[in-house]
C-alpha atoms as a PDB file:
ATOM      1  CA  VAL A   1      -0.119  -0.037   0.305  1.00  0.00           C
ATOM      2  CA  LYS A   2       1.349   3.427  -1.121  1.00  0.00           C
ATOM      3  CA  LYS A   3      -0.003   7.206  -0.420  1.00  0.00           C
ATOM      4  CA  ILE A   4      -0.014   9.669  -3.057  1.00  0.00           C
ATOM      5  CA  PHE A   5       2.133  12.616  -3.119  1.00  0.00           C
ATOM      6  CA  TYR A   6       2.147  15.560  -5.800  1.00  0.00           C
ATOM      7  CA  GLU A   7       5.073  17.225  -5.646  1.00  0.00           C
ATOM      8  CA  LYS A   8       6.941  19.586  -7.631  1.00  0.00           C
ATOM      9  CA  GLY A   9       5.358  18.053 -11.164  1.00  0.00           C
ATOM     10  CA  GLN A  10       6.037  14.413  -9.966  1.00  0.00           C
ATOM     11  CA  VAL A  11       4.237  12.058  -7.973  1.00  0.00           C
ATOM     12  CA  ARG A  12       5.773  10.542  -4.500  1.00  0.00           C
ATOM     13  CA  LEU A  13       4.658   7.285  -4.221  1.00  0.00           C
ATOM     14  CA  GLN A  14       5.797   6.486  -0.348  1.00  0.00           C
ATOM     15  CA  PRO A  15       5.584   2.892   0.892  1.00  0.00           C
ATOM     16  CA  ALA A  16       2.901   2.316   4.338  1.00  0.00           C
ATOM     17  CA  ASN A  17       6.253  -0.079   5.038  1.00  0.00           C
ATOM     18  CA  GLN A  18       9.686   2.316   6.053  1.00  0.00           C
ATOM     19  CA  LYS A  19      11.957   0.042   5.170  1.00  0.00           C
ATOM     20  CA  TYR A  20      11.164   0.771   0.696  1.00  0.00           C
ATOM     21  CA  GLN A  21      12.010   4.004  -0.529  1.00  0.00           C
ATOM     22  CA  PRO A  22       9.599   6.509  -1.937  1.00  0.00           C
ATOM     23  CA  ILE A  23       9.497   5.715  -5.936  1.00  0.00           C
ATOM     24  CA  MET A  24       8.885   9.726  -7.721  1.00  0.00           C
ATOM     25  CA  LEU A  25       6.891   8.936 -11.377  1.00  0.00           C
ATOM     26  CA  ASN A  26       6.017  11.673 -13.408  1.00  0.00           C
ATOM     27  CA  PRO A  27       2.282  12.727 -13.596  1.00  0.00           C
ATOM     28  CA  ASN A  28       1.447  10.554 -17.077  1.00  0.00           C
ATOM     29  CA  GLN A  29       3.221   7.434 -16.064  1.00  0.00           C
ATOM     30  CA  VAL A  30       0.773   7.169 -13.179  1.00  0.00           C
ATOM     31  CA  LYS A  31      -3.290   5.537 -13.105  1.00  0.00           C
ATOM     32  CA  VAL A  32      -5.111   5.297  -9.667  1.00  0.00           C
ATOM     33  CA  GLN A  33      -6.585   2.025  -9.633  1.00  0.00           C
ATOM     34  CA  GLY A  34      -8.497   2.689  -6.447  1.00  0.00           C
ATOM     35  CA  ARG A  35      -8.251   3.397  -2.594  1.00  0.00           C
ATOM     36  CA  VAL A  36      -7.778   2.040   1.106  1.00  0.00           C
ATOM     37  CA  ILE A  37     -11.004   2.192   2.842  1.00  0.00           C
ATOM     38  CA  GLY A  38     -10.512  -0.460   4.851  1.00  0.00           C
ATOM     39  CA  VAL A  39      -8.762  -3.341   7.058  1.00  0.00           C
ATOM     40  CA  MET A  40     -10.113  -6.357   8.304  1.00  0.00           C
ATOM     41  CA  ARG A  41      -7.873  -8.476  10.169  1.00  0.00           C
ATOM     42  CA  ARG A  42      -8.213 -11.750  11.740  1.00  0.00           C
ATOM     43  CA  TYR A  43      -6.541 -13.023  14.992  1.00  0.00           C
ATOM     44  CA  ASN A  44      -6.508 -16.423  16.498  1.00  0.00           C
END
């Protein structure tokens, strides 16, 4: 899962996991296909 930020004519995809680096892209390379609205977890 990544958060999207628009800055300085580019798009930054920021991973939720801090172990990974952000990805910088041109706006024409990005297509948002959906968004996370919730998380369901099962604990046994």
